[in-house]
Protein backbone atom coordinates (compact mmCIF):
# COMPACT_ATOMS: atom_id res chain seq x y z
CA MET A 1 -132.91 -95.85 -29.32
CA THR A 2 -132.74 -98.55 -26.64
CA ALA A 3 -129.37 -98.97 -24.94
CA GLN A 4 -127.77 -102.32 -25.74
CA PRO A 5 -125.96 -104.23 -22.96
CA LEU A 6 -122.23 -104.62 -23.17
CA LYS A 7 -120.64 -107.90 -24.30
CA PRO A 8 -117.08 -107.57 -22.95
CA ALA A 9 -114.53 -110.33 -23.45
CA ALA A 10 -114.63 -111.34 -19.80
CA ILE A 11 -118.38 -111.87 -19.92
CA GLU A 12 -117.98 -113.99 -23.04
CA ARG A 13 -115.28 -116.07 -21.34
CA ARG A 14 -117.53 -116.66 -18.39
CA HIS A 15 -120.37 -117.91 -20.57
CA LYS A 16 -118.16 -120.49 -22.25
CA ILE A 17 -118.35 -122.39 -18.95
CA ALA A 18 -121.74 -124.01 -18.48
CA PRO A 19 -123.50 -122.54 -15.44
CA PRO A 20 -124.57 -125.01 -12.77
CA SER A 21 -128.24 -125.94 -12.94
CA PRO A 22 -130.39 -124.61 -10.09
CA GLU A 23 -131.13 -128.24 -9.16
CA ARG A 24 -127.46 -128.92 -8.39
CA PHE A 25 -127.37 -125.95 -6.03
CA LEU A 26 -130.89 -126.14 -4.58
CA GLY A 27 -131.98 -129.74 -5.06
CA LEU A 28 -130.49 -131.03 -1.82
CA VAL A 29 -132.71 -128.74 0.28
CA GLY A 30 -135.72 -128.58 -2.04
CA ASP A 31 -138.09 -129.95 0.59
CA LYS A 32 -136.80 -127.50 3.20
CA LEU A 33 -137.09 -124.58 0.77
CA ALA A 34 -140.68 -125.58 0.07
CA ALA A 35 -141.33 -125.66 3.82
CA THR A 36 -139.65 -122.24 4.14
CA GLU A 37 -141.98 -120.86 1.47
CA VAL A 38 -144.99 -122.12 3.44
CA VAL A 39 -143.70 -120.47 6.63
CA PHE A 40 -142.96 -117.25 4.70
CA ARG A 41 -146.53 -117.09 3.35
CA ASP A 42 -148.20 -118.17 6.60
CA HIS A 43 -146.51 -115.44 8.63
CA PHE A 44 -148.17 -112.73 6.56
CA GLY A 45 -151.34 -113.63 8.42
CA SER A 46 -152.95 -110.54 9.95
CA ASP A 47 -156.39 -109.09 10.61
CA VAL A 48 -155.20 -106.01 8.72
CA PRO A 49 -156.34 -106.73 5.13
CA PHE A 50 -153.55 -104.73 3.50
CA ILE A 51 -150.84 -106.88 5.12
CA GLN A 52 -152.50 -110.08 3.91
CA HIS A 53 -152.99 -108.68 0.41
CA ALA A 54 -149.46 -107.29 0.14
CA GLY A 55 -148.05 -110.57 1.46
CA GLU A 56 -149.80 -112.53 -1.25
CA TYR A 57 -148.46 -110.11 -3.85
CA LEU A 58 -144.89 -110.36 -2.53
CA ALA A 59 -145.01 -114.16 -2.33
CA SER A 60 -146.25 -114.37 -5.92
CA SER A 61 -143.39 -112.19 -7.18
CA GLY A 62 -140.95 -115.02 -6.55
CA GLY A 63 -137.27 -114.30 -6.05
CA LYS A 64 -134.17 -116.45 -5.92
CA ARG A 65 -134.43 -117.28 -2.20
CA MET A 66 -130.64 -117.33 -2.25
CA ARG A 67 -130.13 -116.49 1.42
CA PRO A 68 -132.60 -119.08 2.78
CA ALA A 69 -131.02 -121.71 0.52
CA LEU A 70 -127.56 -120.94 1.89
CA LEU A 71 -128.80 -121.17 5.48
CA LEU A 72 -130.46 -124.52 4.80
CA LEU A 73 -127.43 -125.94 3.00
CA VAL A 74 -125.10 -124.91 5.82
CA ALA A 75 -127.52 -126.43 8.34
CA ARG A 76 -127.46 -129.66 6.31
CA MET A 77 -123.66 -129.61 6.22
CA LEU A 78 -123.56 -129.18 10.01
CA GLY A 79 -125.92 -132.09 10.54
CA HIS A 80 -129.14 -130.27 11.46
CA ASP A 81 -132.56 -131.54 10.42
CA SER A 82 -135.45 -129.84 12.20
CA GLU A 83 -138.04 -127.10 11.90
CA GLU A 84 -135.67 -124.62 13.54
CA GLU A 85 -133.53 -123.95 10.48
CA VAL A 86 -136.68 -123.62 8.33
CA THR A 87 -137.94 -120.87 10.64
CA TYR A 88 -134.62 -119.03 10.47
CA ALA A 89 -134.52 -119.38 6.67
CA ALA A 90 -137.95 -117.71 6.48
CA VAL A 91 -136.78 -115.00 8.90
CA VAL A 92 -133.79 -114.21 6.69
CA GLU A 93 -136.11 -113.90 3.68
CA PHE A 94 -138.44 -111.62 5.66
CA ILE A 95 -135.52 -109.34 6.52
CA HIS A 96 -134.32 -109.32 2.93
CA THR A 97 -137.84 -108.57 1.64
CA ALA A 98 -138.27 -105.69 4.10
CA THR A 99 -134.99 -104.22 2.88
CA LEU A 100 -136.09 -104.43 -0.76
CA ILE A 101 -139.39 -102.75 0.08
CA HIS A 102 -137.66 -99.85 1.79
CA ASP A 103 -135.07 -99.62 -1.01
CA ASP A 104 -137.84 -99.27 -3.59
CA VAL A 105 -139.38 -96.41 -1.63
CA ILE A 106 -136.03 -94.65 -1.30
CA ASP A 107 -135.22 -95.17 -4.99
CA HIS A 108 -138.74 -94.24 -6.18
CA ALA A 109 -138.60 -97.53 -8.08
CA ALA A 110 -141.62 -98.54 -10.16
CA LEU A 111 -140.43 -102.02 -11.14
CA ARG A 112 -138.66 -104.92 -9.45
CA ARG A 113 -138.13 -108.26 -11.21
CA GLY A 114 -140.38 -106.95 -13.97
CA GLN A 115 -143.27 -106.47 -11.54
CA THR A 116 -144.81 -103.23 -10.25
CA THR A 117 -143.40 -102.33 -6.83
CA LEU A 118 -145.56 -101.99 -3.73
CA ASN A 119 -144.81 -98.30 -3.41
CA GLU A 120 -145.96 -97.73 -6.99
CA LEU A 121 -149.19 -99.64 -6.31
CA TRP A 122 -150.07 -98.38 -2.84
CA GLY A 123 -147.87 -95.37 -2.12
CA ASN A 124 -144.90 -94.77 0.15
CA SER A 125 -146.70 -94.46 3.49
CA LEU A 126 -148.32 -97.90 3.47
CA THR A 127 -145.20 -99.48 1.99
CA VAL A 128 -142.79 -98.08 4.59
CA LEU A 129 -145.04 -99.28 7.39
CA LEU A 130 -145.26 -102.73 5.79
CA GLY A 131 -141.46 -102.89 5.74
CA ASP A 132 -141.39 -101.98 9.44
CA TRP A 133 -143.97 -104.69 10.14
CA LEU A 134 -141.85 -107.25 8.27
CA TYR A 135 -138.69 -106.44 10.24
CA THR A 136 -140.53 -106.70 13.56
CA ASN A 137 -142.39 -109.86 12.60
CA ALA A 138 -139.11 -111.43 11.49
CA MET A 139 -137.61 -110.97 14.95
CA LYS A 140 -140.77 -112.30 16.59
CA MET A 141 -140.46 -115.42 14.42
CA ALA A 142 -136.78 -115.80 15.32
CA LEU A 143 -137.65 -115.67 19.03
CA SER A 144 -140.05 -118.61 18.67
CA HIS A 145 -137.22 -121.10 19.27
CA GLY A 146 -135.82 -119.23 22.28
CA ASN A 147 -132.30 -118.97 20.82
CA LEU A 148 -131.19 -115.46 21.74
CA GLU A 149 -127.82 -115.90 20.01
CA VAL A 150 -129.62 -116.26 16.70
CA VAL A 151 -131.80 -113.22 17.36
CA ARG A 152 -128.71 -111.21 18.29
CA GLU A 153 -126.98 -112.29 15.06
CA LEU A 154 -129.97 -111.33 12.91
CA CYS A 155 -130.45 -108.01 14.72
CA GLU A 156 -126.80 -107.17 14.09
CA ALA A 157 -127.13 -107.96 10.39
CA THR A 158 -130.27 -105.82 10.16
CA LEU A 159 -128.57 -102.90 11.89
CA LYS A 160 -125.62 -103.17 9.50
CA MET A 161 -127.97 -103.12 6.52
CA VAL A 162 -129.64 -99.94 7.75
CA GLU A 163 -126.22 -98.37 8.37
CA GLY A 164 -125.22 -99.28 4.84
CA GLU A 165 -128.35 -97.66 3.46
CA LEU A 166 -127.64 -94.50 5.47
CA LEU A 167 -124.07 -94.35 4.16
CA ALA A 168 -125.31 -94.87 0.62
CA LEU A 169 -127.96 -92.16 0.90
CA GLN A 170 -125.45 -89.66 2.27
CA ARG A 171 -123.33 -90.19 -0.84
CA LEU A 172 -126.16 -90.55 -3.34
CA GLY A 173 -125.35 -88.65 -6.50
CA ALA A 174 -121.71 -88.09 -5.49
CA ALA A 175 -119.31 -88.37 -8.43
CA ASP A 176 -116.30 -88.63 -6.08
CA LEU A 177 -117.39 -91.84 -4.31
CA THR A 178 -114.25 -93.88 -3.63
CA VAL A 179 -113.64 -97.59 -3.99
CA ASP A 180 -113.18 -97.88 -0.21
CA GLU A 181 -116.50 -96.14 0.44
CA TYR A 182 -118.22 -98.37 -2.08
CA PHE A 183 -116.99 -101.57 -0.42
CA ALA A 184 -117.85 -100.23 3.04
CA ILE A 185 -121.42 -99.69 1.86
CA ILE A 186 -121.92 -103.07 0.20
CA ASP A 187 -120.28 -104.86 3.12
CA ARG A 188 -123.10 -103.55 5.29
CA LYS A 189 -125.96 -103.56 2.79
CA THR A 190 -125.40 -106.98 1.25
CA ALA A 191 -122.52 -109.03 2.64
CA HIS A 192 -123.58 -109.01 6.30
CA LEU A 193 -126.94 -110.70 5.68
CA PHE A 194 -125.25 -113.35 3.52
CA ALA A 195 -122.77 -113.93 6.33
CA SER A 196 -125.53 -114.18 8.93
CA ALA A 197 -127.48 -116.65 6.80
CA CYS A 198 -124.35 -118.82 6.73
CA THR A 199 -123.43 -118.48 10.42
CA VAL A 200 -126.86 -118.86 12.05
CA PRO A 201 -126.72 -122.69 11.71
CA THR A 202 -123.57 -122.71 13.85
CA LEU A 203 -125.75 -121.36 16.68
CA ILE A 204 -128.10 -124.34 16.50
CA THR A 205 -127.10 -127.31 18.65
CA PRO A 206 -125.95 -129.96 18.40
CA ALA A 207 -123.66 -129.98 15.37
CA ARG A 208 -122.57 -133.23 13.72
CA PRO A 209 -119.93 -135.03 15.86
CA ASP A 210 -117.47 -135.53 12.98
CA LEU A 211 -117.30 -131.85 12.04
CA GLY A 212 -113.61 -131.74 12.92
CA MET A 213 -113.58 -128.16 14.20
CA SER A 214 -114.97 -126.06 17.02
CA ARG A 215 -118.17 -124.10 16.65
CA GLU A 216 -116.20 -120.86 16.68
CA ALA A 217 -113.86 -122.08 13.93
CA ALA A 218 -116.86 -123.15 11.84
CA ARG A 219 -118.47 -119.77 12.45
CA ARG A 220 -115.37 -117.87 11.29
CA ALA A 221 -115.04 -119.98 8.14
CA LEU A 222 -118.73 -119.62 7.26
CA GLN A 223 -118.69 -115.90 7.96
CA SER A 224 -115.78 -115.59 5.53
CA TYR A 225 -117.68 -117.68 2.99
CA GLY A 226 -120.85 -115.60 3.35
CA LYS A 227 -119.09 -112.26 3.16
CA SER A 228 -117.09 -113.23 0.07
CA LEU A 229 -120.17 -114.65 -1.62
CA GLY A 230 -122.32 -111.66 -0.66
CA THR A 231 -119.77 -109.20 -2.00
CA CYS A 232 -119.49 -111.26 -5.18
CA PHE A 233 -123.29 -111.20 -5.45
CA GLN A 234 -123.34 -107.40 -5.25
CA LEU A 235 -120.57 -106.98 -7.82
CA VAL A 236 -122.48 -109.20 -10.23
CA ASP A 237 -125.63 -107.20 -9.48
CA ASP A 238 -123.76 -104.03 -10.41
CA LEU A 239 -122.41 -105.64 -13.57
CA LEU A 240 -125.88 -106.66 -14.72
CA ASP A 241 -126.82 -102.98 -14.89
CA PHE A 242 -124.30 -102.77 -17.75
CA THR A 243 -124.41 -106.24 -19.30
CA ALA A 244 -127.97 -107.61 -19.04
CA SER A 245 -130.93 -106.69 -21.19
CA GLU A 246 -133.98 -104.83 -19.91
CA GLN A 247 -135.98 -108.05 -20.30
CA GLU A 248 -133.52 -109.96 -18.11
CA LEU A 249 -133.30 -107.26 -15.46
CA GLY A 250 -136.98 -106.41 -15.30
CA LYS A 251 -135.96 -102.73 -15.38
CA PRO A 252 -134.06 -100.42 -17.77
CA VAL A 253 -130.30 -100.78 -18.32
CA LEU A 254 -128.23 -98.29 -16.24
CA SER A 255 -131.04 -97.84 -13.72
CA ASP A 256 -128.52 -97.54 -10.87
CA LEU A 257 -126.86 -94.54 -12.47
CA LYS A 258 -130.21 -92.92 -13.20
CA GLU A 259 -131.11 -93.32 -9.52
CA GLY A 260 -127.90 -91.51 -8.52
CA LYS A 261 -125.95 -94.64 -7.54
CA LEU A 262 -122.34 -94.79 -8.64
CA THR A 263 -121.35 -98.45 -8.87
CA LEU A 264 -117.89 -99.93 -9.18
CA PRO A 265 -117.47 -99.96 -13.00
CA LEU A 266 -118.04 -96.18 -13.02
CA ILE A 267 -116.07 -95.51 -9.83
CA LEU A 268 -113.05 -97.10 -11.54
CA LEU A 269 -113.79 -95.26 -14.79
CA LEU A 270 -114.11 -91.65 -13.67
CA PRO A 271 -110.51 -90.94 -12.56
CA ARG A 272 -109.23 -92.30 -15.89
CA VAL A 273 -111.20 -90.18 -18.35
CA ALA A 274 -111.05 -86.55 -19.41
CA ALA A 275 -113.12 -83.88 -17.68
CA GLY A 276 -115.62 -83.67 -20.54
CA GLU A 277 -116.24 -87.41 -20.35
CA ARG A 278 -116.61 -87.29 -16.59
CA ARG A 279 -119.29 -84.67 -17.05
CA LEU A 280 -121.33 -87.12 -19.13
CA VAL A 281 -121.70 -89.29 -16.03
CA GLN A 282 -122.12 -86.32 -13.69
CA HIS A 283 -125.04 -85.03 -15.80
CA VAL A 284 -126.96 -88.26 -15.20
CA LEU A 285 -126.22 -88.13 -11.46
CA GLU A 286 -127.40 -84.54 -11.29
CA ASP A 287 -130.48 -84.88 -13.52
CA ARG A 288 -131.54 -88.39 -12.42
CA SER A 289 -132.24 -88.88 -16.11
CA PHE A 290 -130.55 -89.30 -19.47
CA ALA A 291 -131.66 -85.86 -20.64
CA ARG A 292 -128.13 -84.57 -21.38
CA THR A 293 -126.27 -87.87 -21.73
CA THR A 294 -127.41 -90.99 -23.53
CA PRO A 295 -127.02 -94.50 -22.11
CA GLU A 296 -124.95 -95.37 -25.20
CA GLN A 297 -122.37 -92.71 -24.31
CA VAL A 298 -121.90 -94.14 -20.82
CA LEU A 299 -121.74 -97.73 -22.09
CA GLU A 300 -119.15 -96.75 -24.69
CA LEU A 301 -116.90 -95.17 -22.04
CA VAL A 302 -117.08 -98.29 -19.87
CA ARG A 303 -116.46 -100.51 -22.88
CA ARG A 304 -113.43 -98.49 -23.93
CA GLU A 305 -111.82 -98.44 -20.48
CA GLY A 306 -112.55 -102.10 -19.71
CA THR A 307 -113.83 -101.50 -16.19
CA VAL A 308 -116.62 -104.07 -16.50
CA ASP A 309 -113.95 -106.71 -17.16
CA GLU A 310 -112.02 -105.51 -14.09
CA VAL A 311 -115.06 -105.79 -11.84
CA GLU A 312 -115.83 -109.23 -13.19
CA ASP A 313 -112.28 -110.31 -12.36
CA MET A 314 -112.88 -109.11 -8.79
CA ALA A 315 -116.12 -111.11 -8.66
CA LEU A 316 -114.33 -114.23 -9.89
CA GLU A 317 -111.66 -113.78 -7.21
CA LEU A 318 -114.29 -113.40 -4.49
CA ALA A 319 -116.05 -116.52 -5.74
CA GLU A 320 -112.82 -118.47 -5.37
CA GLU A 321 -112.24 -117.03 -1.89
CA ALA A 322 -115.70 -118.21 -0.88
CA ARG A 323 -115.00 -121.74 -2.09
CA GLU A 324 -111.66 -121.84 -0.28
CA SER A 325 -113.39 -120.94 3.00
CA LEU A 326 -115.16 -124.31 2.93
CA ALA A 327 -111.98 -126.38 2.72
CA GLY A 328 -112.02 -127.40 6.39
CA PHE A 329 -115.52 -128.89 6.35
CA PRO A 330 -116.18 -132.61 5.75
CA ALA A 331 -116.75 -133.54 2.11
CA GLY A 332 -120.31 -134.29 1.15
CA ALA A 333 -123.29 -133.23 -0.94
CA ALA A 334 -124.04 -130.11 1.14
CA ARG A 335 -120.49 -128.82 0.92
CA GLU A 336 -120.46 -129.51 -2.81
CA ALA A 337 -123.67 -127.52 -3.25
CA LEU A 338 -122.19 -124.62 -1.28
CA GLU A 339 -119.09 -124.77 -3.48
CA LEU A 340 -121.38 -124.46 -6.52
CA ALA A 341 -123.16 -121.39 -5.12
CA PRO A 342 -120.47 -118.92 -6.33
CA ASP A 343 -120.85 -120.21 -9.91
CA PHE A 344 -124.60 -119.87 -9.57
CA VAL A 345 -124.08 -116.22 -8.53
CA LEU A 346 -121.58 -115.49 -11.31
CA HIS A 347 -123.93 -116.75 -14.02
CA ARG A 348 -127.15 -115.13 -12.91
CA ARG A 349 -128.80 -112.73 -15.35
CA HIS A 350 -131.39 -111.08 -13.12
């Protein structure tokens, strides 16, 4: 029997509010996003046929381009309008794509967004090397404008992401993962790149003269915005493993647990249930399969204890924190779009 996603009260409450259309969030920078896509595709050019072929496959797989959109919207809010921010938006997407490629190898994933992963098609060796090529090419692209502050910022974000992956791997399959450990991991793996996407435009000069704050103050506010939004994004991603359908996710429900990843709904659950019920989750972590525990048993425990609702409340709070971080910036269409981004994240289903 196929596991059915949860429909907790909090999820139902959220869906009573109409989600913002993608056009309201992305429309303002649609031309820049299109230009970013061209740069993204063009920089897969290589005389190594596999790189070209894999690049075409990755570009065709789509993706939300959330991080490039944020960078471009912040650049618009700060008064920038040049090729420079388009390059950096493509760089951020290159870094993100490299991370996903390496994650799929580590997780032995066969599907992403409903499409066969590169490692499943061409094996781990080629795929790992492609990820390395993407990281290096991203930094080469970033250097093209000679802004070392930007390169330093993006290098720092990339290092944090790798550190987060190392921390996560060390605790893979651990049933005693704590809430603090969980947030330390996602801060590095997810939130830092969101924050960098939002702060890179502060390193481009000049900013609009009526900004009303120093570059450093703008950087701090946008870093706060990016970190809150990135953490919210990851919480929603974890929730989808429990609440979305396999068709929406492009992979089976509870895939994270099957891969040995303990996410926040289960971290909150385990200390509250009896030993026999804890073992139901531990069996999946140990077996990397649902051989001794069914998905329905895990979903029923989470439903009963209400931990999905709790995590959603945290995501809603982070969304509000992100919006509040923008209060000091001049009103306008770009700021409004950035204020809509948290709602866009909260309502996503894949």
